[in-house]
Amino acid sequence: MSSKRYFILFKNIRQVIKAEKYFREKQIACKVMPVPSRISSECGMCLEVNKPANEAQLENLRQVGFECSCVAL
């Protein structure tokens, strides 16, 4: 199991909350948490996911209106 942690960053907290709901509907485990201090974000909150978000998953989020990016630490 990888020790890396994966964070999906959004433009604002509203998108974080909507994305959490979207992930839960798709049965994708996630956790809302403060953005780690090593990462910069405008809103300060992000979603932590167990697996890395691949480009297709991020594209799906973007197609439903989210502005996001994924960072691994």
Foldseek 3Di string as FASTA:
>chain_A
DDPKKKKKAFQEVVLQVVVVVVCVVVVFDWDKDFDPPVDDYDHRIIIIGDDYDDPVNVVVSVVVPTDIDMDID
